[in-house]
C-alpha cells in the first residue's frame, strides 16, 4: 500500500544514494509563508519567506528541508543552484522511502 499523500509526489525526481537522497527543488522566495507546495516539473516546489539576497533563501530552504525530513540542518546541503530558483539538494541520513514518506505527509498535512 502506498504511503498517504503518495500521489502528491507523482513525478518527483528523488534518488537514493549510499548516504542519503538527492532531489530537485524549485523555490519561490519572498512568499507570505514557508510551505511545501507540491511537485512542479519533477522538482519539489517550496515557498520561502526569505528574500533571495546574500544566501538567505538558501539557508531557509535547507532549514525547511531538514525540519521536514527530521534530520539535523548539517545533514542537508545545496549541490547545485546557489543563485537560481532551480536547485538540487542532498540529504544525508535518510533513505529514499523515509524521504518520500516525510515529504508526502508534509504535503498532505499542508
PDB file of N, CA and C in Angstrom:
ATOM      1  N   UNK A   1       0.842  -1.183   0.000  1.00  0.00           N
ATOM      2  CA  UNK A   1       0.000   0.000   0.000  1.00  0.00           C
ATOM      3  C   UNK A   1       0.886   1.245   0.000  1.00  0.00           C
ATOM      4  N   UNK A   2       0.655   2.192  -0.904  1.00  0.00           N
ATOM      5  CA  UNK A   2       1.488   3.389  -0.946  1.00  0.00           C
ATOM      6  C   UNK A   2       1.255   4.273   0.268  1.00  0.00           C
ATOM      7  N   UNK A   3       2.282   5.050   0.642  1.00  0.00           N
ATOM      8  CA  UNK A   3       2.115   5.921   1.810  1.00  0.00           C
ATOM      9  C   UNK A   3       1.072   6.989   1.556  1.00  0.00           C
ATOM     10  N   UNK A   4       0.465   7.546   2.623  1.00  0.00           N
ATOM     11  CA  UNK A   4      -0.501   8.630   2.441  1.00  0.00           C
ATOM     12  C   UNK A   4       0.147   9.779   1.690  1.00  0.00           C
ATOM     13  N   UNK A   5      -0.585  10.376   0.773  1.00  0.00           N
ATOM     14  CA  UNK A   5      -0.056  11.500   0.010  1.00  0.00           C
ATOM     15  C   UNK A   5       0.850  11.093  -1.133  1.00  0.00           C
ATOM     16  N   UNK A   6       0.932   9.777  -1.407  1.00  0.00           N
ATOM     17  CA  UNK A   6       1.834   9.280  -2.442  1.00  0.00           C
ATOM     18  C   UNK A   6       1.617  10.006  -3.769  1.00  0.00           C
ATOM     19  N   UNK A   7       0.360  10.238  -4.147  1.00  0.00           N
ATOM     20  CA  UNK A   7       0.065  10.910  -5.415  1.00  0.00           C
ATOM     21  C   UNK A   7       0.592  12.340  -5.431  1.00  0.00           C
ATOM     22  N   UNK A   8       0.724  12.959  -4.261  1.00  0.00           N
ATOM     23  CA  UNK A   8       1.238  14.325  -4.167  1.00  0.00           C
ATOM     24  C   UNK A   8       2.678  14.403  -4.652  1.00  0.00           C
ATOM     25  N   UNK A   9       3.384  13.276  -4.637  1.00  0.00           N
ATOM     26  CA  UNK A   9       4.783  13.244  -5.060  1.00  0.00           C
ATOM     27  C   UNK A   9       4.974  12.676  -6.459  1.00  0.00           C
ATOM     28  N   UNK A  10       3.873  12.420  -7.157  1.00  0.00           N
ATOM     29  CA  UNK A  10       3.975  11.862  -8.506  1.00  0.00           C
ATOM     30  C   UNK A  10       4.847  12.769  -9.370  1.00  0.00           C
ATOM     31  N   UNK A  11       5.844  12.183  -9.986  1.00  0.00           N
ATOM     32  CA  UNK A  11       6.722  12.934 -10.874  1.00  0.00           C
ATOM     33  C   UNK A  11       7.964  13.500 -10.216  1.00  0.00           C
ATOM     34  N   UNK A  12       8.058  13.438  -8.881  1.00  0.00           N
ATOM     35  CA  UNK A  12       9.238  13.980  -8.199  1.00  0.00           C
ATOM     36  C   UNK A  12      10.454  13.117  -8.497  1.00  0.00           C
ATOM     37  N   UNK A  13      11.505  13.754  -8.942  1.00  0.00           N
ATOM     38  CA  UNK A  13      12.762  13.062  -9.216  1.00  0.00           C
ATOM     39  C   UNK A  13      13.587  13.041  -7.930  1.00  0.00           C
ATOM     40  N   UNK A  14      13.460  11.954  -7.161  1.00  0.00           N
ATOM     41  CA  UNK A  14      14.167  11.781  -5.896  1.00  0.00           C
ATOM     42  C   UNK A  14      14.976  10.497  -6.004  1.00  0.00           C
ATOM     43  N   UNK A  15      16.294  10.611  -5.818  1.00  0.00           N
ATOM     44  CA  UNK A  15      17.173   9.453  -5.983  1.00  0.00           C
ATOM     45  C   UNK A  15      17.872   9.110  -4.671  1.00  0.00           C
ATOM     46  N   UNK A  16      17.869   7.829  -4.339  1.00  0.00           N
ATOM     47  CA  UNK A  16      18.601   7.370  -3.175  1.00  0.00           C
ATOM     48  C   UNK A  16      20.073   7.236  -3.510  1.00  0.00           C
ATOM     49  N   UNK A  17      20.932   7.538  -2.536  1.00  0.00           N
ATOM     50  CA  UNK A  17      22.375   7.365  -2.675  1.00  0.00           C
ATOM     51  C   UNK A  17      22.875   6.587  -1.471  1.00  0.00           C
ATOM     52  N   UNK A  18      24.168   6.281  -1.442  1.00  0.00           N
ATOM     53  CA  UNK A  18      24.733   5.500  -0.344  1.00  0.00           C
ATOM     54  C   UNK A  18      24.437   6.094   1.022  1.00  0.00           C
ATOM     55  N   UNK A  19      24.542   7.411   1.140  1.00  0.00           N
ATOM     56  CA  UNK A  19      24.402   8.038   2.450  1.00  0.00           C
ATOM     57  C   UNK A  19      23.136   8.867   2.608  1.00  0.00           C
ATOM     58  N   UNK A  20      22.227   8.823   1.638  1.00  0.00           N
ATOM     59  CA  UNK A  20      21.008   9.619   1.746  1.00  0.00           C
ATOM     60  C   UNK A  20      20.262   9.730   0.437  1.00  0.00           C
ATOM     61  N   UNK A  21      19.704  10.919   0.184  1.00  0.00           N
ATOM     62  CA  UNK A  21      18.920  11.145  -1.035  1.00  0.00           C
ATOM     63  C   UNK A  21      19.307  12.475  -1.676  1.00  0.00           C
ATOM     64  N   UNK A  22      18.979  12.583  -2.953  1.00  0.00           N
ATOM     65  CA  UNK A  22      19.187  13.814  -3.716  1.00  0.00           C
ATOM     66  C   UNK A  22      17.893  14.079  -4.478  1.00  0.00           C
ATOM     67  N   UNK A  23      17.444  15.348  -4.473  1.00  0.00           N
ATOM     68  CA  UNK A  23      16.267  15.685  -5.253  1.00  0.00           C
ATOM     69  C   UNK A  23      16.325  17.136  -5.704  1.00  0.00           C
ATOM     70  N   UNK A  24      15.521  17.419  -6.719  1.00  0.00           N
ATOM     71  CA  UNK A  24      15.462  18.755  -7.289  1.00  0.00           C
ATOM     72  C   UNK A  24      14.402  19.572  -6.567  1.00  0.00           C
ATOM     73  N   UNK A  25      14.685  20.869  -6.445  1.00  0.00           N
ATOM     74  CA  UNK A  25      13.787  21.799  -5.756  1.00  0.00           C
ATOM     75  C   UNK A  25      13.614  23.032  -6.625  1.00  0.00           C
ATOM     76  N   UNK A  26      12.436  23.588  -6.602  1.00  0.00           N
ATOM     77  CA  UNK A  26      12.156  24.877  -7.251  1.00  0.00           C
ATOM     78  C   UNK A  26      11.652  25.800  -6.141  1.00  0.00           C
ATOM     79  N   UNK A  27      12.368  26.886  -5.878  1.00  0.00           N
ATOM     80  CA  UNK A  27      11.984  27.761  -4.770  1.00  0.00           C
ATOM     81  C   UNK A  27      11.225  28.985  -5.249  1.00  0.00           C
ATOM     82  N   UNK A  28      10.371  29.468  -4.363  1.00  0.00           N
ATOM     83  CA  UNK A  28       9.614  30.694  -4.578  1.00  0.00           C
ATOM     84  C   UNK A  28       9.928  31.599  -3.387  1.00  0.00           C
ATOM     85  N   UNK A  29      10.956  32.464  -3.512  1.00  0.00           N
ATOM     86  CA  UNK A  29      11.322  33.333  -2.391  1.00  0.00           C
ATOM     87  C   UNK A  29      10.305  34.447  -2.174  1.00  0.00           C
ATOM     88  N   UNK A  30      10.399  35.078  -1.005  1.00  0.00           N
ATOM     89  CA  UNK A  30       9.531  36.195  -0.620  1.00  0.00           C
ATOM     90  C   UNK A  30       8.042  35.841  -0.599  1.00  0.00           C
ATOM     91  N   UNK A  31       7.735  34.619  -0.230  1.00  0.00           N
ATOM     92  CA  UNK A  31       6.337  34.200  -0.116  1.00  0.00           C
ATOM     93  C   UNK A  31       5.780  34.675   1.223  1.00  0.00           C
ATOM     94  N   UNK A  32       4.467  34.679   1.355  1.00  0.00           N
ATOM     95  CA  UNK A  32       3.834  35.079   2.628  1.00  0.00           C
ATOM     96  C   UNK A  32       4.159  34.114   3.750  1.00  0.00           C
ATOM     97  N   UNK A  33       4.235  32.810   3.396  1.00  0.00           N
ATOM     98  CA  UNK A  33       4.574  31.807   4.404  1.00  0.00           C
ATOM     99  C   UNK A  33       5.398  30.703   3.764  1.00  0.00           C
ATOM    100  N   UNK A  34       6.237  30.089   4.553  1.00  0.00           N
ATOM    101  CA  UNK A  34       7.059  28.979   4.070  1.00  0.00           C
ATOM    102  C   UNK A  34       6.198  27.722   4.014  1.00  0.00           C
ATOM    103  N   UNK A  35       6.273  27.010   2.898  1.00  0.00           N
ATOM    104  CA  UNK A  35       5.465  25.800   2.756  1.00  0.00           C
ATOM    105  C   UNK A  35       5.945  24.974   1.578  1.00  0.00           C
ATOM    106  N   UNK A  36       5.703  23.670   1.657  1.00  0.00           N
ATOM    107  CA  UNK A  36       5.894  22.795   0.512  1.00  0.00           C
ATOM    108  C   UNK A  36       4.633  22.907  -0.322  1.00  0.00           C
ATOM    109  N   UNK A  37       4.782  23.193  -1.607  1.00  0.00           N
ATOM    110  CA  UNK A  37       3.628  23.466  -2.456  1.00  0.00           C
ATOM    111  C   UNK A  37       3.222  22.306  -3.358  1.00  0.00           C
ATOM    112  N   UNK A  38       4.132  21.379  -3.597  1.00  0.00           N
ATOM    113  CA  UNK A  38       3.823  20.261  -4.484  1.00  0.00           C
ATOM    114  C   UNK A  38       4.973  19.983  -5.423  1.00  0.00           C
ATOM    115  N   UNK A  39       4.685  19.255  -6.477  1.00  0.00           N
ATOM    116  CA  UNK A  39       5.711  18.906  -7.458  1.00  0.00           C
ATOM    117  C   UNK A  39       5.444  19.686  -8.735  1.00  0.00           C
ATOM    118  N   UNK A  40       6.489  20.313  -9.244  1.00  0.00           N
ATOM    119  CA  UNK A  40       6.405  21.108 -10.469  1.00  0.00           C
ATOM    120  C   UNK A  40       7.580  20.741 -11.356  1.00  0.00           C
ATOM    121  N   UNK A  41       7.298  20.187 -12.529  1.00  0.00           N
ATOM    122  CA  UNK A  41       8.334  19.786 -13.488  1.00  0.00           C
ATOM    123  C   UNK A  41       9.410  18.923 -12.836  1.00  0.00           C
ATOM    124  N   UNK A  42       9.011  17.874 -12.137  1.00  0.00           N
ATOM    125  CA  UNK A  42       9.864  16.876 -11.489  1.00  0.00           C
ATOM    126  C   UNK A  42      10.642  17.408 -10.294  1.00  0.00           C
ATOM    127  N   UNK A  43      10.346  18.623  -9.849  1.00  0.00           N
ATOM    128  CA  UNK A  43      11.028  19.210  -8.693  1.00  0.00           C
ATOM    129  C   UNK A  43      10.012  19.519  -7.600  1.00  0.00           C
ATOM    130  N   UNK A  44      10.457  19.459  -6.357  1.00  0.00           N
ATOM    131  CA  UNK A  44       9.616  19.829  -5.229  1.00  0.00           C
ATOM    132  C   UNK A  44       9.576  21.342  -5.149  1.00  0.00           C
ATOM    133  N   UNK A  45       8.387  21.921  -5.214  1.00  0.00           N
ATOM    134  CA  UNK A  45       8.249  23.375  -5.160  1.00  0.00           C
ATOM    135  C   UNK A  45       8.052  23.788  -3.706  1.00  0.00           C
ATOM    136  N   UNK A  46       8.899  24.741  -3.268  1.00  0.00           N
ATOM    137  CA  UNK A  46       8.874  25.192  -1.882  1.00  0.00           C
ATOM    138  C   UNK A  46       8.811  26.712  -1.844  1.00  0.00           C
ATOM    139  N   UNK A  47       7.838  27.235  -1.102  1.00  0.00           N
ATOM    140  CA  UNK A  47       7.726  28.680  -0.893  1.00  0.00           C
ATOM    141  C   UNK A  47       8.555  29.045   0.331  1.00  0.00           C
ATOM    142  N   UNK A  48       9.295  30.144   0.219  1.00  0.00           N
ATOM    143  CA  UNK A  48      10.155  30.614   1.302  1.00  0.00           C
ATOM    144  C   UNK A  48       9.833  32.072   1.605  1.00  0.00           C
ATOM    145  N   UNK A  49       9.829  32.441   2.868  1.00  0.00           N
ATOM    146  CA  UNK A  49       9.582  33.839   3.220  1.00  0.00           C
ATOM    147  C   UNK A  49      10.830  34.695   3.021  1.00  0.00           C
ATOM    148  N   UNK A  50      11.983  34.088   3.023  1.00  0.00           N
ATOM    149  CA  UNK A  50      13.249  34.819   2.901  1.00  0.00           C
ATOM    150  C   UNK A  50      13.445  35.361   1.484  1.00  0.00           C
ATOM    151  N   UNK A  51      14.102  36.511   1.365  1.00  0.00           N
ATOM    152  CA  UNK A  51      14.415  37.045   0.042  1.00  0.00           C
ATOM    153  C   UNK A  51      15.649  36.341  -0.527  1.00  0.00           C
ATOM    154  N   UNK A  52      15.805  36.387  -1.852  1.00  0.00           N
ATOM    155  CA  UNK A  52      16.969  35.749  -2.474  1.00  0.00           C
ATOM    156  C   UNK A  52      18.200  36.658  -2.419  1.00  0.00           C
ATOM    157  N   UNK A  53      18.570  37.071  -1.209  1.00  0.00           N
ATOM    158  CA  UNK A  53      19.671  38.011  -1.025  1.00  0.00           C
ATOM    159  C   UNK A  53      20.683  37.429  -0.044  1.00  0.00           C
ATOM    160  N   UNK A  54      21.962  37.460  -0.412  1.00  0.00           N
ATOM    161  CA  UNK A  54      23.059  37.022   0.458  1.00  0.00           C
ATOM    162  C   UNK A  54      22.848  35.639   1.062  1.00  0.00           C
ATOM    163  N   UNK A  55      22.261  34.727   0.303  1.00  0.00           N
ATOM    164  CA  UNK A  55      22.088  33.355   0.762  1.00  0.00           C
ATOM    165  C   UNK A  55      20.948  33.123   1.730  1.00  0.00           C
ATOM    166  N   UNK A  56      20.142  34.141   2.002  1.00  0.00           N
ATOM    167  CA  UNK A  56      19.047  33.987   2.976  1.00  0.00           C
ATOM    168  C   UNK A  56      18.042  32.931   2.526  1.00  0.00           C
ATOM    169  N   UNK A  57      17.675  32.943   1.260  1.00  0.00           N
ATOM    170  CA  UNK A  57      16.702  31.960   0.760  1.00  0.00           C
ATOM    171  C   UNK A  57      17.301  30.553   0.784  1.00  0.00           C
ATOM    172  N   UNK A  58      18.580  30.428   0.463  1.00  0.00           N
ATOM    173  CA  UNK A  58      19.224  29.107   0.508  1.00  0.00           C
ATOM    174  C   UNK A  58      19.245  28.567   1.931  1.00  0.00           C
ATOM    175  N   UNK A  59      19.579  29.419   2.900  1.00  0.00           N
ATOM    176  CA  UNK A  59      19.577  28.993   4.302  1.00  0.00           C
ATOM    177  C   UNK A  59      18.181  28.563   4.739  1.00  0.00           C
ATOM    178  N   UNK A  60      17.175  29.333   4.341  1.00  0.00           N
ATOM    179  CA  UNK A  60      15.788  28.995   4.691  1.00  0.00           C
ATOM    180  C   UNK A  60      15.372  27.681   4.042  1.00  0.00           C
ATOM    181  N   UNK A  61      15.790  27.471   2.805  1.00  0.00           N
ATOM    182  CA  UNK A  61      15.475  26.225   2.096  1.00  0.00           C
ATOM    183  C   UNK A  61      16.063  25.031   2.833  1.00  0.00           C
ATOM    184  N   UNK A  62      17.338  25.101   3.179  1.00  0.00           N
ATOM    185  CA  UNK A  62      17.988  23.976   3.840  1.00  0.00           C
ATOM    186  C   UNK A  62      17.355  23.707   5.206  1.00  0.00           C
ATOM    187  N   UNK A  63      16.938  24.761   5.891  1.00  0.00           N
ATOM    188  CA  UNK A  63      16.288  24.595   7.195  1.00  0.00           C
ATOM    189  C   UNK A  63      14.931  23.910   7.064  1.00  0.00           C
ATOM    190  N   UNK A  64      14.128  24.311   6.086  1.00  0.00           N
ATOM    191  CA  UNK A  64      12.798  23.704   5.931  1.00  0.00           C
ATOM    192  C   UNK A  64      12.911  22.251   5.465  1.00  0.00           C
ATOM    193  N   UNK A  65      13.895  21.947   4.622  1.00  0.00           N
ATOM    194  CA  UNK A  65      14.101  20.562   4.190  1.00  0.00           C
ATOM    195  C   UNK A  65      14.521  19.709   5.392  1.00  0.00           C
ATOM    196  N   UNK A  66      15.452  20.209   6.205  1.00  0.00           N
ATOM    197  CA  UNK A  66      15.905  19.469   7.388  1.00  0.00           C
ATOM    198  C   UNK A  66      14.743  19.207   8.346  1.00  0.00           C
ATOM    199  N   UNK A  67      13.952  20.238   8.609  1.00  0.00           N
ATOM    200  CA  UNK A  67      12.814  20.090   9.519  1.00  0.00           C
ATOM    201  C   UNK A  67      11.801  19.086   8.983  1.00  0.00           C
ATOM    202  N   UNK A  68      11.492  19.183   7.699  1.00  0.00           N
ATOM    203  CA  UNK A  68      10.508  18.294   7.086  1.00  0.00           C
ATOM    204  C   UNK A  68      10.955  16.842   7.121  1.00  0.00           C
ATOM    205  N   UNK A  69      12.249  16.602   6.878  1.00  0.00           N
ATOM    206  CA  UNK A  69      12.756  15.229   6.835  1.00  0.00           C
ATOM    207  C   UNK A  69      13.240  14.731   8.195  1.00  0.00           C
ATOM    208  N   UNK A  70      13.211  15.596   9.206  1.00  0.00           N
ATOM    209  CA  UNK A  70      13.591  15.174  10.546  1.00  0.00           C
ATOM    210  C   UNK A  70      15.066  14.869  10.707  1.00  0.00           C
ATOM    211  N   UNK A  71      15.902  15.635  10.019  1.00  0.00           N
ATOM    212  CA  UNK A  71      17.351  15.459  10.128  1.00  0.00           C
ATOM    213  C   UNK A  71      17.968  16.768  10.613  1.00  0.00           C
ATOM    214  N   UNK A  72      19.191  16.719  11.151  1.00  0.00           N
ATOM    215  CA  UNK A  72      19.853  17.962  11.542  1.00  0.00           C
ATOM    216  C   UNK A  72      20.134  18.836  10.326  1.00  0.00           C
ATOM    217  N   UNK A  73      20.173  20.124  10.517  1.00  0.00           N
ATOM    218  CA  UNK A  73      20.439  21.067   9.428  1.00  0.00           C
ATOM    219  C   UNK A  73      21.761  20.742   8.730  1.00  0.00           C
ATOM    220  N   UNK A  74      22.752  20.273   9.478  1.00  0.00           N
ATOM    221  CA  UNK A  74      24.064  19.966   8.885  1.00  0.00           C
ATOM    222  C   UNK A  74      24.011  18.767   7.929  1.00  0.00           C
ATOM    223  N   UNK A  75      22.917  17.991   7.958  1.00  0.00           N
ATOM    224  CA  UNK A  75      22.778  16.834   7.069  1.00  0.00           C
ATOM    225  C   UNK A  75      22.261  17.231   5.690  1.00  0.00           C
ATOM    226  N   UNK A  76      21.880  18.502   5.522  1.00  0.00           N
ATOM    227  CA  UNK A  76      21.306  18.973   4.253  1.00  0.00           C
ATOM    228  C   UNK A  76      22.287  19.941   3.596  1.00  0.00           C
ATOM    229  N   UNK A  77      22.547  19.722   2.313  1.00  0.00           N
ATOM    230  CA  UNK A  77      23.444  20.640   1.610  1.00  0.00           C
ATOM    231  C   UNK A  77      22.921  20.927   0.207  1.00  0.00           C
ATOM    232  N   UNK A  78      23.291  22.087  -0.277  1.00  0.00           N
ATOM    233  CA  UNK A  78      22.933  22.516  -1.623  1.00  0.00           C
ATOM    234  C   UNK A  78      23.991  21.985  -2.580  1.00  0.00           C
ATOM    235  N   UNK A  79      23.576  21.164  -3.545  1.00  0.00           N
ATOM    236  CA  UNK A  79      24.501  20.573  -4.506  1.00  0.00           C
ATOM    237  C   UNK A  79      24.680  21.500  -5.704  1.00  0.00           C
ATOM    238  N   UNK A  80      23.573  22.098  -6.137  1.00  0.00           N
ATOM    239  CA  UNK A  80      23.611  22.944  -7.343  1.00  0.00           C
ATOM    240  C   UNK A  80      22.498  23.980  -7.256  1.00  0.00           C
ATOM    241  N   UNK A  81      22.755  25.161  -7.831  1.00  0.00           N
ATOM    242  CA  UNK A  81      21.720  26.171  -7.949  1.00  0.00           C
ATOM    243  C   UNK A  81      21.788  27.279  -6.927  1.00  0.00           C
ATOM    244  N   UNK A  82      22.967  27.608  -6.461  1.00  0.00           N
ATOM    245  CA  UNK A  82      23.110  28.614  -5.409  1.00  0.00           C
ATOM    246  C   UNK A  82      22.425  29.938  -5.742  1.00  0.00           C
ATOM    247  N   UNK A  83      22.475  30.377  -7.001  1.00  0.00           N
ATOM    248  CA  UNK A  83      21.875  31.658  -7.376  1.00  0.00           C
ATOM    249  C   UNK A  83      20.654  31.496  -8.280  1.00  0.00           C
ATOM    250  N   UNK A  84      20.113  30.296  -8.342  1.00  0.00           N
ATOM    251  CA  UNK A  84      18.977  30.004  -9.215  1.00  0.00           C
ATOM    252  C   UNK A  84      17.772  29.567  -8.385  1.00  0.00           C
ATOM    253  N   UNK A  85      16.595  29.676  -8.960  1.00  0.00           N
ATOM    254  CA  UNK A  85      15.401  29.137  -8.288  1.00  0.00           C
ATOM    255  C   UNK A  85      15.350  27.619  -8.402  1.00  0.00           C
ATOM    256  N   UNK A  86      15.991  27.084  -9.437  1.00  0.00           N
ATOM    257  CA  UNK A  86      16.069  25.633  -9.621  1.00  0.00           C
ATOM    258  C   UNK A  86      17.325  25.141  -8.903  1.00  0.00           C
ATOM    259  N   UNK A  87      17.142  24.236  -7.961  1.00  0.00           N
ATOM    260  CA  UNK A  87      18.255  23.779  -7.120  1.00  0.00           C
ATOM    261  C   UNK A  87      18.252  22.261  -7.007  1.00  0.00           C
ATOM    262  N   UNK A  88      19.368  21.721  -6.568  1.00  0.00           N
ATOM    263  CA  UNK A  88      19.476  20.303  -6.236  1.00  0.00           C
ATOM    264  C   UNK A  88      19.969  20.233  -4.798  1.00  0.00           C
ATOM    265  N   UNK A  89      19.266  19.445  -3.986  1.00  0.00           N
ATOM    266  CA  UNK A  89      19.558  19.314  -2.559  1.00  0.00           C
ATOM    267  C   UNK A  89      19.917  17.864  -2.258  1.00  0.00           C
ATOM    268  N   UNK A  90      20.942  17.682  -1.407  1.00  0.00           N
ATOM    269  CA  UNK A  90      21.324  16.352  -0.921  1.00  0.00           C
ATOM    270  C   UNK A  90      21.048  16.298   0.574  1.00  0.00           C
ATOM    271  N   UNK A  91      20.497  15.164   1.025  1.00  0.00           N
ATOM    272  CA  UNK A  91      20.185  14.986   2.443  1.00  0.00           C
ATOM    273  C   UNK A  91      20.803  13.669   2.894  1.00  0.00           C
ATOM    274  N   UNK A  92      21.676  13.736   3.887  1.00  0.00           N
ATOM    275  CA  UNK A  92      22.321  12.542   4.433  1.00  0.00           C
ATOM    276  C   UNK A  92      21.488  11.986   5.584  1.00  0.00           C
ATOM    277  N   UNK A  93      21.602  10.676   5.797  1.00  0.00           N
ATOM    278  CA  UNK A  93      20.971  10.058   6.951  1.00  0.00           C
ATOM    279  C   UNK A  93      19.508   9.717   6.801  1.00  0.00           C
ATOM    280  N   UNK A  94      19.010   9.693   5.573  1.00  0.00           N
ATOM    281  CA  UNK A  94      17.610   9.351   5.336  1.00  0.00           C
ATOM    282  C   UNK A  94      17.537   8.480   4.079  1.00  0.00           C
ATOM    283  N   UNK A  95      16.678   7.465   4.102  1.00  0.00           N
ATOM    284  CA  UNK A  95      16.521   6.606   2.930  1.00  0.00           C
ATOM    285  C   UNK A  95      15.525   7.239   1.962  1.00  0.00           C
ATOM    286  N   UNK A  96      15.487   6.720   0.753  1.00  0.00           N
ATOM    287  CA  UNK A  96      14.533   7.218  -0.231  1.00  0.00           C
ATOM    288  C   UNK A  96      13.095   7.032   0.260  1.00  0.00           C
ATOM    289  N   UNK A  97      12.803   5.876   0.843  1.00  0.00           N
ATOM    290  CA  UNK A  97      11.447   5.609   1.349  1.00  0.00           C
ATOM    291  C   UNK A  97      11.084   6.557   2.492  1.00  0.00           C
ATOM    292  N   UNK A  98      12.019   6.803   3.406  1.00  0.00           N
ATOM    293  CA  UNK A  98      11.763   7.727   4.521  1.00  0.00           C
ATOM    294  C   UNK A  98      11.524   9.143   4.006  1.00  0.00           C
ATOM    295  N   UNK A  99      12.332   9.560   3.031  1.00  0.00           N
ATOM    296  CA  UNK A  99      12.190  10.906   2.469  1.00  0.00           C
ATOM    297  C   UNK A  99      10.847  11.052   1.770  1.00  0.00           C
ATOM    298  N   UNK A 100      10.484  10.084   0.954  1.00  0.00           N
ATOM    299  CA  UNK A 100       9.190  10.146   0.260  1.00  0.00           C
ATOM    300  C   UNK A 100       8.035  10.186   1.263  1.00  0.00           C
ATOM    301  N   UNK A 101       8.121   9.379   2.306  1.00  0.00           N
ATOM    302  CA  UNK A 101       7.067   9.360   3.315  1.00  0.00           C
ATOM    303  C   UNK A 101       6.932  10.697   4.028  1.00  0.00           C
ATOM    304  N   UNK A 102       8.050  11.270   4.442  1.00  0.00           N
ATOM    305  CA  UNK A 102       8.025  12.556   5.160  1.00  0.00           C
ATOM    306  C   UNK A 102       7.536  13.676   4.260  1.00  0.00           C
ATOM    307  N   UNK A 103       7.984  13.695   3.012  1.00  0.00           N
ATOM    308  CA  UNK A 103       7.542  14.732   2.077  1.00  0.00           C
ATOM    309  C   UNK A 103       6.063  14.595   1.769  1.00  0.00           C
ATOM    310  N   UNK A 104       5.592  13.371   1.581  1.00  0.00           N
ATOM    311  CA  UNK A 104       4.170  13.139   1.309  1.00  0.00           C
ATOM    312  C   UNK A 104       3.320  13.594   2.487  1.00  0.00           C
ATOM    313  N   UNK A 105       3.752  13.276   3.714  1.00  0.00           N
ATOM    314  CA  UNK A 105       2.997  13.714   4.907  1.00  0.00           C
ATOM    315  C   UNK A 105       2.951  15.240   4.977  1.00  0.00           C
ATOM    316  N   UNK A 106       4.079  15.883   4.718  1.00  0.00           N
ATOM    317  CA  UNK A 106       4.136  17.351   4.780  1.00  0.00           C
ATOM    318  C   UNK A 106       3.220  17.982   3.741  1.00  0.00           C
ATOM    319  N   UNK A 107       3.145  17.390   2.569  1.00  0.00           N
ATOM    320  CA  UNK A 107       2.298  17.931   1.511  1.00  0.00           C
ATOM    321  C   UNK A 107       0.814  17.730   1.811  1.00  0.00           C
ATOM    322  N   UNK A 108       0.461  16.595   2.383  1.00  0.00           N
ATOM    323  CA  UNK A 108      -0.955  16.322   2.646  1.00  0.00           C
ATOM    324  C   UNK A 108      -1.442  17.031   3.915  1.00  0.00           C
ATOM    325  N   UNK A 109      -0.536  17.266   4.863  1.00  0.00           N
ATOM    326  CA  UNK A 109      -0.923  17.948   6.094  1.00  0.00           C
ATOM    327  C   UNK A 109      -0.939  19.452   5.902  1.00  0.00           C
ATOM    328  N   UNK A 110      -0.268  19.898   4.822  1.00  0.00           N
ATOM    329  CA  UNK A 110      -0.290  21.268   4.393  1.00  0.00           C
ATOM    330  C   UNK A 110       0.334  22.246   5.260  1.00  0.00           C
TER     331      UNK A 110
END
